[in-house]
Protein backbone atom coordinates (compact mmCIF):
# COMPACT_ATOMS: atom_id res chain seq x y z
CA UNK A 1 -9.77 11.78 -24.42
CA UNK A 2 -6.11 11.38 -25.43
CA UNK A 3 -4.51 7.90 -25.66
CA UNK A 4 -4.30 6.61 -22.12
CA UNK A 5 -2.26 4.14 -20.16
CA UNK A 6 -3.85 2.96 -16.95
CA UNK A 7 -1.86 0.82 -14.55
CA UNK A 8 -3.45 -0.50 -11.36
CA UNK A 9 -1.56 -2.20 -8.58
CA UNK A 10 -1.44 -2.95 -4.86
CA UNK A 11 1.43 -2.18 -2.70
CA UNK A 12 3.22 -4.08 -0.07
CA UNK A 13 6.19 -2.67 1.80
CA UNK A 14 9.25 -4.92 1.96
CA UNK A 15 12.33 -4.94 4.14
CA UNK A 16 15.73 -6.55 3.56
CA UNK A 17 19.36 -5.56 3.13
CA UNK A 18 20.55 -5.15 -0.46
CA UNK A 19 23.44 -7.52 0.26
CA UNK A 20 21.01 -10.45 0.53
CA UNK A 21 21.32 -12.53 -2.64
CA UNK A 22 17.67 -13.61 -2.76
CA UNK A 23 15.81 -11.85 -5.58
CA UNK A 24 12.72 -11.64 -3.41
CA UNK A 25 14.52 -9.65 -0.75
CA UNK A 26 16.21 -7.47 -3.34
CA UNK A 27 12.74 -6.37 -4.39
CA UNK A 28 11.83 -6.09 -0.72
CA UNK A 29 14.50 -3.47 -0.10
CA UNK A 30 13.16 -1.29 -2.92
CA UNK A 31 9.59 -1.55 -1.66
CA UNK A 32 10.49 -0.72 1.90
CA UNK A 33 12.43 2.42 1.04
CA UNK A 34 9.70 3.72 -1.25
CA UNK A 35 6.94 2.97 1.25
CA UNK A 36 8.55 5.01 3.98
CA UNK A 37 9.00 8.00 1.70
CA UNK A 38 5.49 7.78 0.24
CA UNK A 39 3.82 7.60 3.65
CA UNK A 40 5.86 10.53 4.87
CA UNK A 41 4.96 12.56 1.77
CA UNK A 42 1.23 12.05 2.24
CA UNK A 43 1.13 14.20 5.36
CA UNK A 44 -2.20 15.26 6.81
CA UNK A 45 -3.87 14.69 10.15
CA UNK A 46 -6.81 12.53 9.04
CA UNK A 47 -7.05 8.76 9.43
CA UNK A 48 -5.40 7.19 6.40
CA UNK A 49 -4.44 3.85 4.89
CA UNK A 50 -2.23 3.33 1.85
CA UNK A 51 -0.82 0.25 0.16
CA UNK A 52 2.55 1.33 -1.25
CA UNK A 53 2.94 -2.09 -2.93
CA UNK A 54 -0.12 -1.39 -5.04
CA UNK A 55 1.47 1.81 -6.24
CA UNK A 56 5.01 0.48 -6.40
CA UNK A 57 4.04 -2.45 -8.59
CA UNK A 58 2.13 -0.19 -10.96
CA UNK A 59 5.01 2.23 -11.24
CA UNK A 60 7.52 -0.61 -11.51
CA UNK A 61 5.57 -2.01 -14.45
CA UNK A 62 5.78 1.37 -16.13
CA UNK A 63 9.51 1.45 -15.31
CA UNK A 64 10.00 -1.65 -17.47
CA UNK A 65 8.83 0.40 -20.46
CA UNK A 66 10.38 3.75 -19.55
CA UNK A 67 13.44 5.23 -21.25
CA UNK A 68 16.00 8.01 -20.72
CA UNK A 69 15.32 10.48 -17.87
CA UNK A 70 11.83 9.09 -17.23
CA UNK A 71 13.41 5.73 -16.41
CA UNK A 72 16.13 7.36 -14.30
CA UNK A 73 13.55 9.18 -12.16
CA UNK A 74 11.44 6.06 -11.68
CA UNK A 75 14.48 3.97 -10.80
CA UNK A 76 15.70 6.56 -8.29
CA UNK A 77 12.39 7.26 -6.54
CA UNK A 78 11.41 3.58 -6.44
CA UNK A 79 14.93 2.46 -5.43
CA UNK A 80 15.02 -0.03 -8.31
CA UNK A 81 18.16 -1.55 -9.86
CA UNK A 82 19.25 -0.07 -13.18
CA UNK A 83 19.14 -3.48 -14.85
CA UNK A 84 15.48 -4.08 -15.80
CA UNK A 85 15.88 -7.84 -15.76
CA UNK A 86 17.13 -7.75 -12.17
CA UNK A 87 14.16 -5.59 -11.14
CA UNK A 88 11.68 -7.91 -12.85
CA UNK A 89 13.27 -10.99 -11.27
CA UNK A 90 13.08 -9.39 -7.84
CA UNK A 91 9.39 -8.64 -8.15
CA UNK A 92 8.64 -12.08 -9.58
CA UNK A 93 10.30 -13.78 -6.61
CA UNK A 94 8.64 -11.40 -4.16
CA UNK A 95 5.16 -12.03 -5.53
CA UNK A 96 5.66 -15.79 -5.39
CA UNK A 97 6.54 -15.54 -1.70
CA UNK A 98 3.66 -13.19 -0.92
CA UNK A 99 0.79 -15.31 -2.19
CA UNK A 100 -0.75 -17.46 0.54
CA UNK A 101 -3.97 -18.46 2.25
CA UNK A 102 -4.20 -15.07 3.98
CA UNK A 103 -3.12 -12.98 1.00
CA UNK A 104 -4.10 -12.87 -2.67
CA UNK A 105 -1.99 -10.91 -5.17
CA UNK A 106 -3.04 -10.84 -8.83
CA UNK A 107 -2.35 -8.80 -11.97
CA UNK A 108 -3.71 -8.38 -15.50
CA UNK A 109 -3.17 -6.19 -18.57
CA UNK A 110 -6.07 -4.79 -20.59
CA UNK A 111 -5.19 -3.64 -24.12
CA UNK A 112 -7.05 -1.59 -26.68
CA UNK A 113 -7.68 -3.75 -29.74
CA UNK A 114 -4.97 -2.93 -32.25
CA UNK A 115 -2.75 -1.04 -29.80
CA UNK A 116 0.88 -1.42 -30.84
CA UNK A 117 2.33 -2.62 -27.56
CA UNK A 118 5.79 -4.14 -27.88
CA UNK A 119 5.98 -7.89 -27.33
CA UNK A 120 9.20 -7.44 -25.36
CA UNK A 121 7.31 -5.29 -22.85
CA UNK A 122 4.52 -7.87 -22.50
CA UNK A 123 7.15 -10.57 -21.97
CA UNK A 124 8.86 -8.49 -19.26
CA UNK A 125 5.65 -7.79 -17.36
CA UNK A 126 4.62 -11.44 -17.63
CA UNK A 127 7.93 -12.61 -16.20
CA UNK A 128 8.12 -9.94 -13.52
CA UNK A 129 4.48 -9.62 -12.46
CA UNK A 130 2.76 -12.70 -13.85
CA UNK A 131 0.28 -10.62 -15.84
CA UNK A 132 -1.80 -11.88 -18.72
CA UNK A 133 -3.27 -9.65 -21.42
CA UNK A 134 -6.88 -9.23 -22.49
CA UNK A 135 -8.15 -7.02 -25.30
CA UNK A 136 -10.96 -4.51 -24.74
CA UNK A 137 -12.54 -1.79 -26.83
CA UNK A 138 -11.97 1.39 -24.84
CA UNK A 139 -14.11 3.34 -27.28
CA UNK A 140 -16.94 1.90 -25.20
CA UNK A 141 -15.09 3.11 -22.14
CA UNK A 142 -17.89 2.60 -19.61
CA UNK A 143 -18.19 -1.07 -20.51
CA UNK A 144 -14.40 -1.38 -20.33
CA UNK A 145 -14.40 0.32 -16.94
CA UNK A 146 -17.01 -2.16 -15.74
CA UNK A 147 -14.90 -5.13 -16.84
CA UNK A 148 -11.82 -3.86 -15.01
CA UNK A 149 -13.66 -2.88 -11.83
CA UNK A 150 -15.43 -6.25 -11.78
CA UNK A 151 -12.09 -8.05 -11.97
CA UNK A 152 -10.64 -5.98 -9.10
CA UNK A 153 -13.78 -6.51 -7.00
CA UNK A 154 -13.61 -10.26 -7.60
CA UNK A 155 -9.93 -10.55 -6.69
CA UNK A 156 -10.41 -8.50 -3.49
CA UNK A 157 -13.52 -10.47 -2.40
CA UNK A 158 -15.69 -7.40 -2.91
CA UNK A 159 -13.49 -5.28 -0.65
CA UNK A 160 -12.37 -2.79 -3.33
CA UNK A 161 -15.05 -1.47 -5.67
CA UNK A 162 -15.00 1.19 -8.37
CA UNK A 163 -11.25 1.72 -8.30
CA UNK A 164 -11.60 3.36 -11.71
CA UNK A 165 -14.20 6.10 -11.50
CA UNK A 166 -16.24 7.54 -14.40
CA UNK A 167 -14.37 9.78 -16.86
CA UNK A 168 -10.97 8.24 -16.08
CA UNK A 169 -11.00 6.05 -19.20
CA UNK A 170 -11.79 7.41 -22.65
CA UNK A 171 -12.19 6.45 -26.27
CA UNK A 172 -8.43 6.77 -26.81
CA UNK A 173 -7.32 4.77 -23.76
CA UNK A 174 -4.77 2.25 -24.94
CA UNK A 175 -3.76 0.11 -21.99
CA UNK A 176 -4.72 -0.75 -18.43
CA UNK A 177 -2.42 -2.73 -16.15
CA UNK A 178 -4.16 -3.96 -13.02
CA UNK A 179 -2.97 -5.70 -9.88
CA UNK A 180 -4.97 -6.33 -6.75
CA UNK A 181 -4.08 -7.33 -3.20
CA UNK A 182 -6.44 -8.77 -0.59
CA UNK A 183 -5.52 -9.65 3.01
CA UNK A 184 -7.63 -11.41 5.62
CA UNK A 185 -6.41 -13.11 8.81
CA UNK A 186 -7.49 -13.79 12.37
CA UNK A 187 -5.49 -12.71 15.39
CA UNK A 188 -3.37 -15.39 17.04
CA UNK A 189 -5.41 -14.57 20.13
CA UNK A 190 -8.65 -12.73 19.44
CA UNK A 191 -10.36 -10.05 21.49
CA UNK A 192 -13.54 -10.95 23.37
CA UNK A 193 -16.30 -8.87 21.76
CA UNK A 194 -18.25 -8.95 25.03
CA UNK A 195 -15.55 -6.77 26.57
CA UNK A 196 -15.68 -4.12 23.82
CA UNK A 197 -17.22 -0.92 25.09
CA UNK A 198 -17.17 2.81 24.34
CA UNK A 199 -13.90 4.42 25.35
CA UNK A 200 -12.30 7.82 25.23
CA UNK A 201 -9.91 8.64 22.37
CA UNK A 202 -7.80 11.81 22.61
CA UNK A 203 -7.75 13.32 19.13
CA UNK A 204 -5.63 16.20 20.45
CA UNK A 205 -4.79 17.83 23.78
CA UNK A 206 -8.03 19.80 23.59
CA UNK A 207 -10.36 17.32 21.85
CA UNK A 208 -11.68 13.91 22.87
CA UNK A 209 -14.03 11.56 21.05
CA UNK A 210 -15.55 8.14 21.71
CA UNK A 211 -14.54 4.92 19.95
CA UNK A 212 -15.41 1.23 20.44
CA UNK A 213 -12.46 0.05 22.53
CA UNK A 214 -11.44 -3.62 22.46
CA UNK A 215 -9.70 -5.21 25.45
CA UNK A 216 -7.33 -8.16 25.77
CA UNK A 217 -4.88 -9.25 28.44
CA UNK A 218 -2.14 -11.41 26.97
CA UNK A 219 1.61 -11.79 26.48
CA UNK A 220 2.73 -9.38 23.74
CA UNK A 221 6.06 -8.43 22.25
CA UNK A 222 6.61 -4.70 22.69
CA UNK A 223 9.14 -2.03 23.61
CA UNK A 224 9.39 1.64 24.35
CA UNK A 225 11.70 3.30 21.84
CA UNK A 226 13.21 6.52 23.20
CA UNK A 227 14.49 7.50 19.76
CA UNK A 228 10.99 7.30 18.31
CA UNK A 229 9.31 8.68 21.41
CA UNK A 230 6.78 5.87 21.07
CA UNK A 231 5.74 2.40 22.22
CA UNK A 232 5.95 -0.33 19.55
CA UNK A 233 3.54 -3.28 19.87
CA UNK A 234 3.41 -6.51 17.82
CA UNK A 235 -0.08 -7.97 17.30
CA UNK A 236 0.47 -11.34 15.56
CA UNK A 237 -2.04 -13.16 13.36
CA UNK A 238 -2.71 -16.88 13.59
CA UNK A 239 -0.02 -19.21 12.23
CA UNK A 240 2.39 -16.25 12.37
CA UNK A 241 1.62 -15.35 8.74
CA UNK A 242 1.64 -11.64 9.50
CA UNK A 243 1.61 -9.03 12.24
CA UNK A 244 0.13 -5.62 12.80
CA UNK A 245 2.64 -3.29 14.41
CA UNK A 246 1.20 -0.41 16.41
CA UNK A 247 3.46 2.62 16.94
CA UNK A 248 1.91 4.72 19.71
CA UNK A 249 3.50 8.16 20.32
CA UNK A 250 4.11 9.24 23.90
CA UNK A 251 2.65 12.66 23.11
CA UNK A 252 -1.02 12.86 22.14
CA UNK A 253 0.03 15.25 19.36
CA UNK A 254 3.24 13.38 18.51
CA UNK A 255 2.19 11.60 15.31
CA UNK A 256 3.85 14.07 12.93
CA UNK A 257 7.15 13.85 14.82
CA UNK A 258 6.91 10.05 14.87
CA UNK A 259 6.53 9.97 11.07
CA UNK A 260 9.67 12.08 10.66
CA UNK A 261 11.67 9.83 12.99
CA UNK A 262 10.45 6.61 11.34
CA UNK A 263 11.59 7.93 7.95
CA UNK A 264 15.10 8.24 9.32
CA UNK A 265 15.18 4.73 10.79
CA UNK A 266 13.73 2.16 8.34
CA UNK A 267 11.07 -0.33 9.41
CA UNK A 268 13.44 -3.02 10.60
CA UNK A 269 14.97 -0.76 13.21
CA UNK A 270 11.51 0.06 14.53
CA UNK A 271 10.55 -3.59 14.98
CA UNK A 272 13.77 -4.96 16.50
CA UNK A 273 14.45 -5.85 20.14
CA UNK A 274 10.83 -6.24 21.25
CA UNK A 275 10.42 -7.97 24.63
CA UNK A 276 7.63 -10.32 25.69
CA UNK A 277 5.48 -9.12 28.57
CA UNK A 278 1.99 -9.61 30.00
CA UNK A 279 -0.03 -6.53 29.07
CA UNK A 280 -3.61 -5.36 29.42
CA UNK A 281 -4.25 -3.92 25.95
CA UNK A 282 -7.01 -1.51 24.99
CA UNK A 283 -7.20 -0.93 21.21
CA UNK A 284 -9.84 0.87 19.10
CA UNK A 285 -11.93 -1.18 16.71
CA UNK A 286 -11.75 0.78 13.47
CA UNK A 287 -12.27 0.84 9.73
CA UNK A 288 -10.56 3.23 7.32
CA UNK A 289 -11.40 3.53 3.62
CA UNK A 290 -10.03 6.18 1.30
CA UNK A 291 -9.62 7.06 -2.36
CA UNK A 292 -6.32 8.85 -2.98
CA UNK A 293 -4.97 10.84 -5.88
CA UNK A 294 -1.23 10.37 -5.47
CA UNK A 295 0.02 12.54 -8.33
CA UNK A 296 1.07 15.49 -6.15
CA UNK A 297 3.10 13.52 -3.55
CA UNK A 298 4.82 11.57 -6.33
CA UNK A 299 5.86 14.80 -8.05
CA UNK A 300 7.21 16.01 -4.70
CA UNK A 301 9.25 12.80 -4.44
CA UNK A 302 10.80 13.49 -7.84
CA UNK A 303 8.59 11.80 -10.48
CA UNK A 304 8.12 14.85 -12.69
CA UNK A 305 8.81 13.74 -16.26
CA UNK A 306 6.22 10.97 -16.47
CA UNK A 307 3.45 13.52 -15.85
CA UNK A 308 4.82 15.89 -18.50
CA UNK A 309 3.39 15.39 -21.99
CA UNK A 310 6.60 16.57 -23.65
CA UNK A 311 9.13 14.97 -21.30
CA UNK A 312 7.61 11.52 -20.63
CA UNK A 313 9.35 8.66 -22.43
CA UNK A 314 7.57 5.28 -22.36
CA UNK A 315 8.83 4.21 -25.77
CA UNK A 316 9.63 0.77 -24.37
CA UNK A 317 5.90 0.10 -24.13
CA UNK A 318 4.85 1.20 -27.59
CA UNK A 319 6.59 2.53 -30.64
CA UNK A 320 3.56 4.55 -31.64
CA UNK A 321 2.17 7.78 -30.19
CA UNK A 322 3.86 8.79 -26.93
CA UNK A 323 2.27 8.05 -23.58
CA UNK A 324 2.41 10.11 -20.41
CA UNK A 325 0.79 9.74 -16.99
CA UNK A 326 -2.16 11.91 -15.99
CA UNK A 327 -3.43 10.28 -12.79
CA UNK A 328 -2.10 8.04 -10.06
CA UNK A 329 -5.02 6.69 -8.05
CA UNK A 330 -5.43 4.27 -5.19
CA UNK A 331 -8.43 2.94 -3.32
CA UNK A 332 -7.66 1.10 -0.10
CA UNK A 333 -9.31 0.03 3.13
CA UNK A 334 -8.45 -1.70 6.37
CA UNK A 335 -10.77 -2.99 9.08
CA UNK A 336 -9.56 -4.08 12.51
CA UNK A 337 -12.03 -6.03 14.65
CA UNK A 338 -12.06 -8.43 17.59
CA UNK A 339 -11.52 -11.39 15.23
CA UNK A 340 -8.73 -10.00 13.08
CA UNK A 341 -8.08 -7.79 10.07
CA UNK A 342 -9.40 -7.48 6.54
CA UNK A 343 -7.70 -5.18 4.06
CA UNK A 344 -7.64 -4.53 0.34
CA UNK A 345 -6.30 -2.04 -2.14
CA UNK A 346 -6.09 -1.22 -5.82
CA UNK A 347 -4.00 1.50 -7.45
CA UNK A 348 -4.31 3.08 -10.86
CA UNK A 349 -1.67 4.99 -12.76
CA UNK A 350 -3.51 6.71 -15.59
CA UNK A 351 -1.58 8.07 -18.51
CA UNK A 352 -2.46 9.71 -21.78
CA UNK A 353 -0.46 10.22 -24.91
CA UNK A 354 0.84 12.94 -25.14
CA UNK A 355 -13.10 -2.68 30.76
CA UNK A 356 -11.41 -4.92 33.07
CA UNK A 357 -8.48 -3.96 35.33
CA UNK A 358 -6.01 -6.85 35.02
CA UNK A 359 -3.09 -7.20 37.46
CA UNK A 360 -0.49 -6.21 34.88
CA UNK A 361 0.79 -3.14 33.01
CA UNK A 362 -1.74 -1.37 30.82
CA UNK A 363 -1.30 -0.17 27.23
CA UNK A 364 -4.20 2.05 26.25
CA UNK A 365 -4.13 3.07 22.59
CA UNK A 366 -6.21 6.20 23.15
CA UNK A 367 -4.45 8.74 20.91
CA UNK A 368 -3.44 9.00 17.23
CA UNK A 369 -1.13 6.16 16.20
CA UNK A 370 0.67 4.68 13.20
CA UNK A 371 0.08 1.07 12.12
CA UNK A 372 1.89 -1.26 9.72
CA UNK A 373 0.35 -4.50 8.45
CA UNK A 374 3.45 -6.67 7.96
CA UNK A 375 3.77 -9.94 6.05
CA UNK A 376 6.34 -12.13 7.77
CA UNK A 377 7.17 -14.37 4.78
CA UNK A 378 9.29 -11.69 3.11
CA UNK A 379 9.30 -9.02 5.85
CA UNK A 380 6.76 -6.95 3.96
CA UNK A 381 4.55 -4.12 5.10
CA UNK A 382 1.37 -4.71 3.11
CA UNK A 383 -0.41 -1.59 4.36
CA UNK A 384 0.66 1.50 6.26
CA UNK A 385 -1.64 4.00 7.88
CA UNK A 386 -2.62 6.13 10.79
CA UNK A 387 -5.73 6.23 12.96
CA UNK A 388 -6.56 9.65 14.35
CA UNK A 389 -10.19 9.08 15.27
CA UNK A 390 -13.49 7.89 13.75
CA UNK A 391 -13.40 8.41 10.03
CA UNK A 392 -15.48 7.28 7.05
CA UNK A 393 -13.07 7.99 4.20
CA UNK A 394 -11.51 10.73 2.19
CA UNK A 395 -10.56 11.85 -1.30
CA UNK A 396 -7.39 13.87 -1.68
CA UNK A 397 -7.55 16.70 -4.23
CA UNK A 398 -6.11 16.25 -7.70
């Protein structure tokens, strides 16, 4: 296998105006813009969860070592500032704000013994992402793969396993950058599991299925947004550390249209002006887990040079043999239960050289919907996805 660069990261989506001086919110703006475009580019009608932060951090780390047109494309697609130091400072501040009791964000670099990585690049990734370096012998690539996967599994409490599959690493792999994100929190007000019962879920106008439907009557913040053609619901977690926003289309087959409209609005506009009201909520209990190859959607977004053996320029990472990207992988999951939510993700960028009836309004989430797991500390969407019915997982084609 040709010399390889593997970068693994978890993504969180961030929202703030670029005029805000805080470095954390400068990084947040970049993350938010990229997350909207990535989710829109994924397409498809299956249930799906993606952590754009995982991917964004991996690609941002590669941006610190990119040059010429490769750097221009990464900066444009990721909405990063041209000054590398400003980008690194933004991510450093963002990651400091993200870490908490409900959320664990970690990163590490694995280097081939003797690989000529530039010290300036290691310094930049340490300052921007807090990564430390560890040497491995990738000639024994299965043992190296085991070390990396074990670290990811440990940092995600066993939630994300085997992020790097067999045959991804090789004897000429030179570098692996890994970051992992794990989220776990209880609802501010949990659902009573005794009330959960089978309910109808309308997959389409002509197809129904059955899902375990949770029920809770409580005061929620919500609104109907005519521009989106959807109802927006805020489900807060305890201590207000985060929220899950549910965007429920009016039309049972309106998810695709909703995604297009969200892309034109930005997250903040979707989540503003919610009003508190007593609501009888019915929400599916669900789990989504998927392994995604993100190379194709990233090329569609404009990242072409980094996948091209002749065009890629990562000379800021190493002065030796050129490196280019061959795979961009992510493994992510989210589970929503009566108690709360657990979620985890790991991304890899792989390169080579060259029911009750309460007396109140009802909101029945019985058709495909979009969800955003949002960290309130820095207005960050940690995970974005869609639930379109019972689903065990998927692998997108290379």
